[in-house]
PDB file of N, CA and C in Angstrom:
ATOM      1  N   MET A   1      -1.568 -11.573  14.452  1.00  0.00           N
ATOM      2  CA  MET A   1      -1.746 -12.590  13.544  1.00  0.00           C
ATOM      3  C   MET A   1      -0.761 -13.369  13.799  1.00  0.00           C
ATOM      4  N   ASP A   2      -0.307 -14.355  13.974  1.00  0.00           N
ATOM      5  CA  ASP A   2       0.798 -15.670  14.648  1.00  0.00           C
ATOM      6  C   ASP A   2       0.902 -16.134  13.551  1.00  0.00           C
ATOM      7  N   GLN A   3       0.693 -15.802  11.968  1.00  0.00           N
ATOM      8  CA  GLN A   3       0.707 -17.574  11.011  1.00  0.00           C
ATOM      9  C   GLN A   3       2.256 -16.573   9.969  1.00  0.00           C
ATOM     10  N   PRO A   4       3.230 -17.308  10.475  1.00  0.00           N
ATOM     11  CA  PRO A   4       4.350 -17.249  10.269  1.00  0.00           C
ATOM     12  C   PRO A   4       4.967 -17.461   8.627  1.00  0.00           C
ATOM     13  N   GLU A   5       3.479 -18.305   7.857  1.00  0.00           N
ATOM     14  CA  GLU A   5       3.314 -19.087   6.779  1.00  0.00           C
ATOM     15  C   GLU A   5       2.965 -17.792   5.748  1.00  0.00           C
ATOM     16  N   ALA A   6       2.060 -17.246   6.386  1.00  0.00           N
ATOM     17  CA  ALA A   6       1.316 -16.356   5.231  1.00  0.00           C
ATOM     18  C   ALA A   6       2.132 -15.713   4.652  1.00  0.00           C
ATOM     19  N   ARG A   7       1.883 -15.325   3.070  1.00  0.00           N
ATOM     20  CA  ARG A   7       1.753 -14.393   2.466  1.00  0.00           C
ATOM     21  C   ARG A   7       1.296 -13.397   2.022  1.00  0.00           C
ATOM     22  N   PHE A   8       1.647 -12.002   1.666  1.00  0.00           N
ATOM     23  CA  PHE A   8       1.127 -10.274   1.314  1.00  0.00           C
ATOM     24  C   PHE A   8       1.798 -10.313   0.116  1.00  0.00           C
ATOM     25  N   GLU A   9       1.043  -9.377  -0.352  1.00  0.00           N
ATOM     26  CA  GLU A   9       1.371  -8.700  -1.908  1.00  0.00           C
ATOM     27  C   GLU A   9       0.908  -7.378  -1.379  1.00  0.00           C
ATOM     28  N   ARG A  10       1.393  -6.247  -2.015  1.00  0.00           N
ATOM     29  CA  ARG A  10       0.884  -5.163  -1.928  1.00  0.00           C
ATOM     30  C   ARG A  10      -0.525  -4.942  -2.517  1.00  0.00           C
ATOM     31  N   ASN A  11      -1.146  -4.122  -2.676  1.00  0.00           N
ATOM     32  CA  ASN A  11      -2.418  -3.435  -3.628  1.00  0.00           C
ATOM     33  C   ASN A  11      -1.907  -2.515  -4.122  1.00  0.00           C
ATOM     34  N   PRO A  12      -2.262  -2.932  -5.365  1.00  0.00           N
ATOM     35  CA  PRO A  12      -1.557  -1.940  -6.482  1.00  0.00           C
ATOM     36  C   PRO A  12      -2.241  -0.303  -6.406  1.00  0.00           C
ATOM     37  N   GLU A  13      -3.091  -0.419  -5.961  1.00  0.00           N
ATOM     38  CA  GLU A  13      -3.688   0.677  -5.828  1.00  0.00           C
ATOM     39  C   GLU A  13      -3.076   1.904  -4.539  1.00  0.00           C
ATOM     40  N   PHE A  14      -2.104   1.445  -4.188  1.00  0.00           N
ATOM     41  CA  PHE A  14      -1.059   1.945  -3.536  1.00  0.00           C
ATOM     42  C   PHE A  14       0.301   2.047  -3.364  1.00  0.00           C
ATOM     43  N   ILE A  15       0.472   3.367  -3.930  1.00  0.00           N
ATOM     44  CA  ILE A  15       1.699   3.990  -4.468  1.00  0.00           C
ATOM     45  C   ILE A  15       3.310   4.054  -3.207  1.00  0.00           C
ATOM     46  N   PHE A  16       3.828   3.695  -3.423  1.00  0.00           N
ATOM     47  CA  PHE A  16       4.578   4.108  -2.605  1.00  0.00           C
ATOM     48  C   PHE A  16       6.109   4.937  -3.087  1.00  0.00           C
ATOM     49  N   ARG A  17       6.421   6.537  -2.060  1.00  0.00           N
ATOM     50  CA  ARG A  17       7.197   7.355  -2.576  1.00  0.00           C
ATOM     51  C   ARG A  17       7.811   7.704  -2.123  1.00  0.00           C
ATOM     52  N   ARG A  18       9.357   7.787  -2.401  1.00  0.00           N
ATOM     53  CA  ARG A  18      10.642   8.710  -1.129  1.00  0.00           C
ATOM     54  C   ARG A  18      10.193   9.933  -2.112  1.00  0.00           C
ATOM     55  N   ILE A  19      10.118  10.792  -1.020  1.00  0.00           N
ATOM     56  CA  ILE A  19       9.819  12.863  -0.789  1.00  0.00           C
ATOM     57  C   ILE A  19      10.370  13.018  -0.218  1.00  0.00           C
ATOM     58  N   VAL A  20      11.739  13.568  -0.274  1.00  0.00           N
ATOM     59  CA  VAL A  20      13.451  14.410   0.323  1.00  0.00           C
ATOM     60  C   VAL A  20      13.331  13.209   1.466  1.00  0.00           C
ATOM     61  N   ASP A  21      13.450  13.746   2.645  1.00  0.00           N
ATOM     62  CA  ASP A  21      13.479  12.499   3.690  1.00  0.00           C
ATOM     63  C   ASP A  21      12.332  11.882   4.035  1.00  0.00           C
ATOM     64  N   GLU A  22      11.134  11.555   3.365  1.00  0.00           N
ATOM     65  CA  GLU A  22       9.871  11.262   4.432  1.00  0.00           C
ATOM     66  C   GLU A  22       9.809  10.032   3.070  1.00  0.00           C
ATOM     67  N   LEU A  23       9.064   8.947   3.648  1.00  0.00           N
ATOM     68  CA  LEU A  23       8.666   7.492   2.482  1.00  0.00           C
ATOM     69  C   LEU A  23       7.244   7.322   2.888  1.00  0.00           C
ATOM     70  N   VAL A  24       6.287   7.480   1.749  1.00  0.00           N
ATOM     71  CA  VAL A  24       4.992   7.977   2.132  1.00  0.00           C
ATOM     72  C   VAL A  24       4.669   6.390   0.981  1.00  0.00           C
ATOM     73  N   LEU A  25       3.233   6.627   1.999  1.00  0.00           N
ATOM     74  CA  LEU A  25       2.535   5.985   0.922  1.00  0.00           C
ATOM     75  C   LEU A  25       0.941   6.105   0.824  1.00  0.00           C
ATOM     76  N   VAL A  26       0.342   5.784  -0.365  1.00  0.00           N
ATOM     77  CA  VAL A  26      -0.512   7.047  -0.710  1.00  0.00           C
ATOM     78  C   VAL A  26      -1.408   6.069  -0.960  1.00  0.00           C
ATOM     79  N   PRO A  27      -2.800   5.913  -0.772  1.00  0.00           N
ATOM     80  CA  PRO A  27      -3.778   5.051  -1.588  1.00  0.00           C
ATOM     81  C   PRO A  27      -4.292   5.884  -3.320  1.00  0.00           C
ATOM     82  N   VAL A  28      -4.586   5.087  -4.455  1.00  0.00           N
ATOM     83  CA  VAL A  28      -5.136   6.309  -5.532  1.00  0.00           C
ATOM     84  C   VAL A  28      -6.309   5.242  -6.040  1.00  0.00           C
ATOM     85  N   ARG A  29      -7.069   6.313  -5.833  1.00  0.00           N
ATOM     86  CA  ARG A  29      -8.635   5.670  -6.798  1.00  0.00           C
ATOM     87  C   ARG A  29      -8.944   6.482  -7.834  1.00  0.00           C
ATOM     88  N   GLN A  30      -8.996   5.711  -8.827  1.00  0.00           N
ATOM     89  CA  GLN A  30      -9.697   6.283 -10.049  1.00  0.00           C
ATOM     90  C   GLN A  30      -8.447   7.475 -10.173  1.00  0.00           C
ATOM     91  N   ASP A  31      -7.345   7.122 -10.380  1.00  0.00           N
ATOM     92  CA  ASP A  31      -6.299   7.518 -10.988  1.00  0.00           C
ATOM     93  C   ASP A  31      -6.062   9.450  -9.592  1.00  0.00           C
ATOM     94  N   VAL A  32      -6.698   9.198  -8.757  1.00  0.00           N
ATOM     95  CA  VAL A  32      -7.075  10.545  -7.685  1.00  0.00           C
ATOM     96  C   VAL A  32      -6.239  10.248  -6.664  1.00  0.00           C
ATOM     97  N   ALA A  33      -5.129  10.653  -5.832  1.00  0.00           N
ATOM     98  CA  ALA A  33      -4.567  10.569  -4.800  1.00  0.00           C
ATOM     99  C   ALA A  33      -5.543  11.045  -4.104  1.00  0.00           C
ATOM    100  N   ASP A  34      -5.036   9.894  -2.385  1.00  0.00           N
ATOM    101  CA  ASP A  34      -6.700  10.098  -1.547  1.00  0.00           C
ATOM    102  C   ASP A  34      -5.798  10.443  -0.324  1.00  0.00           C
ATOM    103  N   MET A  35      -5.933  12.171  -0.703  1.00  0.00           N
ATOM    104  CA  MET A  35      -4.693  13.063   0.391  1.00  0.00           C
ATOM    105  C   MET A  35      -4.947  13.400   2.155  1.00  0.00           C
ATOM    106  N   ASP A  36      -6.399  12.329   1.883  1.00  0.00           N
ATOM    107  CA  ASP A  36      -6.935  12.323   3.849  1.00  0.00           C
ATOM    108  C   ASP A  36      -5.791  10.848   4.405  1.00  0.00           C
ATOM    109  N   CYS A  37      -5.037  10.055   3.599  1.00  0.00           N
ATOM    110  CA  CYS A  37      -5.083   8.645   4.051  1.00  0.00           C
ATOM    111  C   CYS A  37      -3.378   8.602   3.412  1.00  0.00           C
ATOM    112  N   ILE A  38      -2.884   9.575   4.149  1.00  0.00           N
ATOM    113  CA  ILE A  38      -1.290   9.323   3.397  1.00  0.00           C
ATOM    114  C   ILE A  38      -0.832   8.620   4.597  1.00  0.00           C
ATOM    115  N   TYR A  39      -0.275   7.596   4.168  1.00  0.00           N
ATOM    116  CA  TYR A  39       0.846   6.745   5.023  1.00  0.00           C
ATOM    117  C   TYR A  39       2.269   7.389   5.386  1.00  0.00           C
ATOM    118  N   THR A  40       3.379   7.625   6.312  1.00  0.00           N
ATOM    119  CA  THR A  40       4.426   7.353   6.623  1.00  0.00           C
ATOM    120  C   THR A  40       4.960   6.468   6.563  1.00  0.00           C
ATOM    121  N   MET A  41       6.495   5.844   6.279  1.00  0.00           N
ATOM    122  CA  MET A  41       7.030   4.853   6.856  1.00  0.00           C
ATOM    123  C   MET A  41       8.070   5.169   7.606  1.00  0.00           C
ATOM    124  N   ASN A  42       8.621   4.595   8.263  1.00  0.00           N
ATOM    125  CA  ASN A  42      10.515   4.596   8.485  1.00  0.00           C
ATOM    126  C   ASN A  42      11.146   3.760   7.862  1.00  0.00           C
ATOM    127  N   PRO A  43      11.873   3.567   7.715  1.00  0.00           N
ATOM    128  CA  PRO A  43      13.215   2.608   7.321  1.00  0.00           C
ATOM    129  C   PRO A  43      12.989   1.463   6.867  1.00  0.00           C
ATOM    130  N   LEU A  44      12.653   0.950   8.194  1.00  0.00           N
ATOM    131  CA  LEU A  44      12.716  -0.331   8.373  1.00  0.00           C
ATOM    132  C   LEU A  44      10.846  -0.958   7.559  1.00  0.00           C
ATOM    133  N   GLY A  45       9.954   0.364   8.138  1.00  0.00           N
ATOM    134  CA  GLY A  45       8.456   0.065   6.934  1.00  0.00           C
ATOM    135  C   GLY A  45       8.989  -0.356   5.589  1.00  0.00           C
ATOM    136  N   ALA A  46       9.736   0.943   5.346  1.00  0.00           N
ATOM    137  CA  ALA A  46       9.755   0.680   3.730  1.00  0.00           C
ATOM    138  C   ALA A  46      10.729  -0.376   3.392  1.00  0.00           C
ATOM    139  N   PHE A  47      11.331  -0.637   3.908  1.00  0.00           N
ATOM    140  CA  PHE A  47      12.196  -2.376   3.425  1.00  0.00           C
ATOM    141  C   PHE A  47      11.368  -3.466   3.958  1.00  0.00           C
ATOM    142  N   ILE A  48       9.987  -3.293   5.071  1.00  0.00           N
ATOM    143  CA  ILE A  48       9.556  -4.443   4.742  1.00  0.00           C
ATOM    144  C   ILE A  48       8.157  -4.670   3.300  1.00  0.00           C
ATOM    145  N   TRP A  49       7.935  -3.088   3.104  1.00  0.00           N
ATOM    146  CA  TRP A  49       6.804  -2.721   2.111  1.00  0.00           C
ATOM    147  C   TRP A  49       7.673  -3.595   0.716  1.00  0.00           C
ATOM    148  N   GLU A  50       8.841  -2.952   0.492  1.00  0.00           N
ATOM    149  CA  GLU A  50       9.657  -3.568  -0.911  1.00  0.00           C
ATOM    150  C   GLU A  50       9.626  -4.600  -1.276  1.00  0.00           C
ATOM    151  N   LYS A  51       9.486  -5.675   0.129  1.00  0.00           N
ATOM    152  CA  LYS A  51       9.379  -6.836  -0.057  1.00  0.00           C
ATOM    153  C   LYS A  51       7.921  -8.282  -0.138  1.00  0.00           C
ATOM    154  N   LEU A  52       7.147  -7.051   0.543  1.00  0.00           N
ATOM    155  CA  LEU A  52       5.879  -7.605   0.378  1.00  0.00           C
ATOM    156  C   LEU A  52       5.269  -7.711  -1.190  1.00  0.00           C
ATOM    157  N   ASP A  53       5.988  -8.906  -1.815  1.00  0.00           N
ATOM    158  CA  ASP A  53       5.423  -9.451  -3.739  1.00  0.00           C
ATOM    159  C   ASP A  53       5.198 -10.432  -3.636  1.00  0.00           C
ATOM    160  N   GLY A  54       4.099 -11.354  -2.338  1.00  0.00           N
ATOM    161  CA  GLY A  54       3.685 -12.501  -2.540  1.00  0.00           C
ATOM    162  C   GLY A  54       4.459 -13.393  -2.660  1.00  0.00           C
ATOM    163  N   ARG A  55       5.938 -13.615  -2.474  1.00  0.00           N
ATOM    164  CA  ARG A  55       6.376 -14.682  -2.362  1.00  0.00           C
ATOM    165  C   ARG A  55       7.067 -15.011  -0.960  1.00  0.00           C
ATOM    166  N   PRO A  56       8.041 -13.911   0.151  1.00  0.00           N
ATOM    167  CA  PRO A  56       8.292 -14.821   1.651  1.00  0.00           C
ATOM    168  C   PRO A  56       7.166 -14.455   1.735  1.00  0.00           C
ATOM    169  N   THR A  57       7.081 -15.473   3.245  1.00  0.00           N
ATOM    170  CA  THR A  57       6.338 -15.586   3.921  1.00  0.00           C
ATOM    171  C   THR A  57       7.040 -15.129   5.089  1.00  0.00           C
ATOM    172  N   LEU A  58       5.695 -14.619   6.255  1.00  0.00           N
ATOM    173  CA  LEU A  58       6.293 -13.521   7.318  1.00  0.00           C
ATOM    174  C   LEU A  58       7.402 -13.935   7.914  1.00  0.00           C
ATOM    175  N   GLN A  59       7.988 -15.538   7.779  1.00  0.00           N
ATOM    176  CA  GLN A  59       8.776 -15.973   8.445  1.00  0.00           C
ATOM    177  C   GLN A  59       9.984 -15.872   7.789  1.00  0.00           C
ATOM    178  N   GLU A  60      10.079 -15.823   6.154  1.00  0.00           N
ATOM    179  CA  GLU A  60      11.012 -15.215   5.888  1.00  0.00           C
ATOM    180  C   GLU A  60      11.551 -14.020   5.749  1.00  0.00           C
ATOM    181  N   LEU A  61      10.399 -13.156   5.676  1.00  0.00           N
ATOM    182  CA  LEU A  61      10.713 -11.915   6.060  1.00  0.00           C
ATOM    183  C   LEU A  61      10.929 -11.482   7.414  1.00  0.00           C
ATOM    184  N   GLU A  62      11.243 -12.650   8.441  1.00  0.00           N
ATOM    185  CA  GLU A  62      11.720 -12.235   9.392  1.00  0.00           C
ATOM    186  C   GLU A  62      12.563 -12.123   9.476  1.00  0.00           C
ATOM    187  N   ALA A  63      13.176 -13.401   9.380  1.00  0.00           N
ATOM    188  CA  ALA A  63      14.818 -13.613   8.877  1.00  0.00           C
ATOM    189  C   ALA A  63      15.764 -12.842   7.878  1.00  0.00           C
ATOM    190  N   ALA A  64      15.141 -11.852   7.298  1.00  0.00           N
ATOM    191  CA  ALA A  64      15.278 -10.942   6.426  1.00  0.00           C
ATOM    192  C   ALA A  64      15.894  -9.555   7.173  1.00  0.00           C
ATOM    193  N   ILE A  65      14.849  -9.161   8.234  1.00  0.00           N
ATOM    194  CA  ILE A  65      14.848  -8.387   8.670  1.00  0.00           C
ATOM    195  C   ILE A  65      16.033  -8.407   9.755  1.00  0.00           C
ATOM    196  N   GLY A  66      16.228  -9.734  10.414  1.00  0.00           N
ATOM    197  CA  GLY A  66      17.329 -10.103  11.294  1.00  0.00           C
ATOM    198  C   GLY A  66      18.678  -9.839  10.854  1.00  0.00           C
ATOM    199  N   GLN A  67      18.824  -9.820   9.149  1.00  0.00           N
ATOM    200  CA  GLN A  67      20.174 -10.627   8.742  1.00  0.00           C
ATOM    201  C   GLN A  67      19.855  -8.614   8.090  1.00  0.00           C
ATOM    202  N   ALA A  68      19.521  -7.412   8.050  1.00  0.00           N
ATOM    203  CA  ALA A  68      19.746  -6.454   7.354  1.00  0.00           C
ATOM    204  C   ALA A  68      19.819  -5.829   8.915  1.00  0.00           C
ATOM    205  N   TYR A  69      19.040  -5.432   9.707  1.00  0.00           N
ATOM    206  CA  TYR A  69      18.963  -4.470  11.023  1.00  0.00           C
ATOM    207  C   TYR A  69      19.528  -5.442  12.272  1.00  0.00           C
ATOM    208  N   GLU A  70      19.947  -4.976  13.033  1.00  0.00           N
ATOM    209  CA  GLU A  70      20.669  -5.496  14.257  1.00  0.00           C
ATOM    210  C   GLU A  70      19.247  -5.363  15.414  1.00  0.00           C
ATOM    211  N   VAL A  71      18.525  -6.060  15.164  1.00  0.00           N
ATOM    212  CA  VAL A  71      17.121  -6.367  16.224  1.00  0.00           C
ATOM    213  C   VAL A  71      16.900  -8.026  16.961  1.00  0.00           C
ATOM    214  N   ASP A  72      16.418  -7.742  17.713  1.00  0.00           N
ATOM    215  CA  ASP A  72      15.655  -9.179  18.757  1.00  0.00           C
ATOM    216  C   ASP A  72      14.850  -9.909  17.790  1.00  0.00           C
ATOM    217  N   PRO A  73      15.397 -11.388  17.454  1.00  0.00           N
ATOM    218  CA  PRO A  73      14.366 -11.954  16.646  1.00  0.00           C
ATOM    219  C   PRO A  73      12.492 -12.047  17.314  1.00  0.00           C
ATOM    220  N   ARG A  74      12.437 -11.844  18.559  1.00  0.00           N
ATOM    221  CA  ARG A  74      11.138 -11.513  19.022  1.00  0.00           C
ATOM    222  C   ARG A  74      10.330 -10.383  18.626  1.00  0.00           C
ATOM    223  N   VAL A  75      11.351  -9.942  18.949  1.00  0.00           N
ATOM    224  CA  VAL A  75      11.095  -7.852  17.964  1.00  0.00           C
ATOM    225  C   VAL A  75      10.679  -7.565  17.205  1.00  0.00           C
ATOM    226  N   ALA A  76      11.519  -7.779  16.307  1.00  0.00           N
ATOM    227  CA  ALA A  76      11.470  -8.505  15.079  1.00  0.00           C
ATOM    228  C   ALA A  76       9.807  -9.054  14.613  1.00  0.00           C
ATOM    229  N   ALA A  77      10.142 -10.234  15.161  1.00  0.00           N
ATOM    230  CA  ALA A  77       8.467 -10.730  14.491  1.00  0.00           C
ATOM    231  C   ALA A  77       6.987  -9.863  15.308  1.00  0.00           C
ATOM    232  N   ALA A  78       7.371  -9.659  16.891  1.00  0.00           N
ATOM    233  CA  ALA A  78       6.326  -9.025  16.703  1.00  0.00           C
ATOM    234  C   ALA A  78       5.828  -7.459  15.946  1.00  0.00           C
ATOM    235  N   ASP A  79       7.190  -7.109  15.929  1.00  0.00           N
ATOM    236  CA  ASP A  79       6.731  -5.267  14.715  1.00  0.00           C
ATOM    237  C   ASP A  79       6.051  -5.958  13.912  1.00  0.00           C
ATOM    238  N   LEU A  80       6.894  -6.884  12.663  1.00  0.00           N
ATOM    239  CA  LEU A  80       6.289  -7.154  11.135  1.00  0.00           C
ATOM    240  C   LEU A  80       4.745  -8.154  10.941  1.00  0.00           C
ATOM    241  N   PHE A  81       4.814  -8.116  12.460  1.00  0.00           N
ATOM    242  CA  PHE A  81       3.233  -8.688  12.379  1.00  0.00           C
ATOM    243  C   PHE A  81       2.397  -7.790  12.670  1.00  0.00           C
ATOM    244  N   ARG A  82       3.021  -7.185  13.511  1.00  0.00           N
ATOM    245  CA  ARG A  82       1.870  -5.650  14.083  1.00  0.00           C
ATOM    246  C   ARG A  82       1.349  -4.986  12.689  1.00  0.00           C
ATOM    247  N   PHE A  83       2.989  -4.912  11.840  1.00  0.00           N
ATOM    248  CA  PHE A  83       2.832  -3.776  10.904  1.00  0.00           C
ATOM    249  C   PHE A  83       2.251  -4.607   9.703  1.00  0.00           C
ATOM    250  N   VAL A  84       2.153  -5.302   9.435  1.00  0.00           N
ATOM    251  CA  VAL A  84       1.723  -6.007   8.267  1.00  0.00           C
ATOM    252  C   VAL A  84      -0.616  -6.245   8.740  1.00  0.00           C
ATOM    253  N   GLU A  85       0.039  -6.155   9.596  1.00  0.00           N
ATOM    254  CA  GLU A  85      -1.812  -6.449   9.870  1.00  0.00           C
ATOM    255  C   GLU A  85      -1.980  -4.663   9.663  1.00  0.00           C
ATOM    256  N   GLU A  86      -1.367  -3.726  10.397  1.00  0.00           N
ATOM    257  CA  GLU A  86      -1.942  -2.317   9.887  1.00  0.00           C
ATOM    258  C   GLU A  86      -2.206  -2.019   8.235  1.00  0.00           C
ATOM    259  N   LEU A  87      -1.551  -2.645   7.691  1.00  0.00           N
ATOM    260  CA  LEU A  87      -1.223  -2.549   6.209  1.00  0.00           C
ATOM    261  C   LEU A  87      -2.511  -3.098   5.677  1.00  0.00           C
ATOM    262  N   GLU A  88      -2.692  -4.480   6.027  1.00  0.00           N
ATOM    263  CA  GLU A  88      -4.091  -5.034   5.849  1.00  0.00           C
ATOM    264  C   GLU A  88      -5.145  -4.367   6.324  1.00  0.00           C
ATOM    265  N   SER A  89      -4.989  -3.994   7.220  1.00  0.00           N
ATOM    266  CA  SER A  89      -6.645  -2.774   7.891  1.00  0.00           C
ATOM    267  C   SER A  89      -7.073  -1.990   7.080  1.00  0.00           C
ATOM    268  N   ALA A  90      -5.285  -1.302   6.564  1.00  0.00           N
ATOM    269  CA  ALA A  90      -6.068  -0.014   6.167  1.00  0.00           C
ATOM    270  C   ALA A  90      -5.733  -0.470   3.861  1.00  0.00           C
ATOM    271  N   GLY A  91      -5.826  -1.947   3.850  1.00  0.00           N
ATOM    272  CA  GLY A  91      -6.129  -2.284   2.582  1.00  0.00           C
ATOM    273  C   GLY A  91      -5.083  -1.973   1.793  1.00  0.00           C
ATOM    274  N   ALA A  92      -4.024  -1.909   2.212  1.00  0.00           N
ATOM    275  CA  ALA A  92      -2.511  -1.363   1.071  1.00  0.00           C
ATOM    276  C   ALA A  92      -1.820  -3.387   1.027  1.00  0.00           C
ATOM    277  N   VAL A  93      -1.991  -3.839   1.129  1.00  0.00           N
ATOM    278  CA  VAL A  93      -1.982  -5.368   0.827  1.00  0.00           C
ATOM    279  C   VAL A  93      -3.075  -6.512   1.688  1.00  0.00           C
ATOM    280  N   ARG A  94      -3.052  -7.369   1.407  1.00  0.00           N
ATOM    281  CA  ARG A  94      -3.632  -8.717   0.777  1.00  0.00           C
ATOM    282  C   ARG A  94      -2.590 -10.016   0.975  1.00  0.00           C
ATOM    283  N   ARG A  95      -3.689 -10.725   1.827  1.00  0.00           N
ATOM    284  CA  ARG A  95      -3.099 -11.792   1.365  1.00  0.00           C
ATOM    285  C   ARG A  95      -2.798 -12.884  -0.060  1.00  0.00           C
ATOM    286  N   VAL A  96      -2.049 -13.421   0.142  1.00  0.00           N
ATOM    287  CA  VAL A  96      -2.033 -14.754  -1.053  1.00  0.00           C
ATOM    288  C   VAL A  96      -1.688 -15.747  -1.300  1.00  0.00           C
TER     289      VAL A  96
END
């Protein structure tokens, strides 16, 4: 994915929770959690997830990561694109 102007939003069928020291993303279908598909996130993943509301572009998210974390911009972009691709393939986010 090399589309810095792309925008994504969270799928409302996924819930995100902080449980003790774990950050988890769980798909919920027909009011039942799919326990076979629980995803754990690190703090950066949670930071990105919370910003995926359909408004910022990937380029804007990359800049936000750079402001919040000390990371090389190329590394931030590669990690962001890979993470969003994984979320999209899991059905957790969709393009807007």
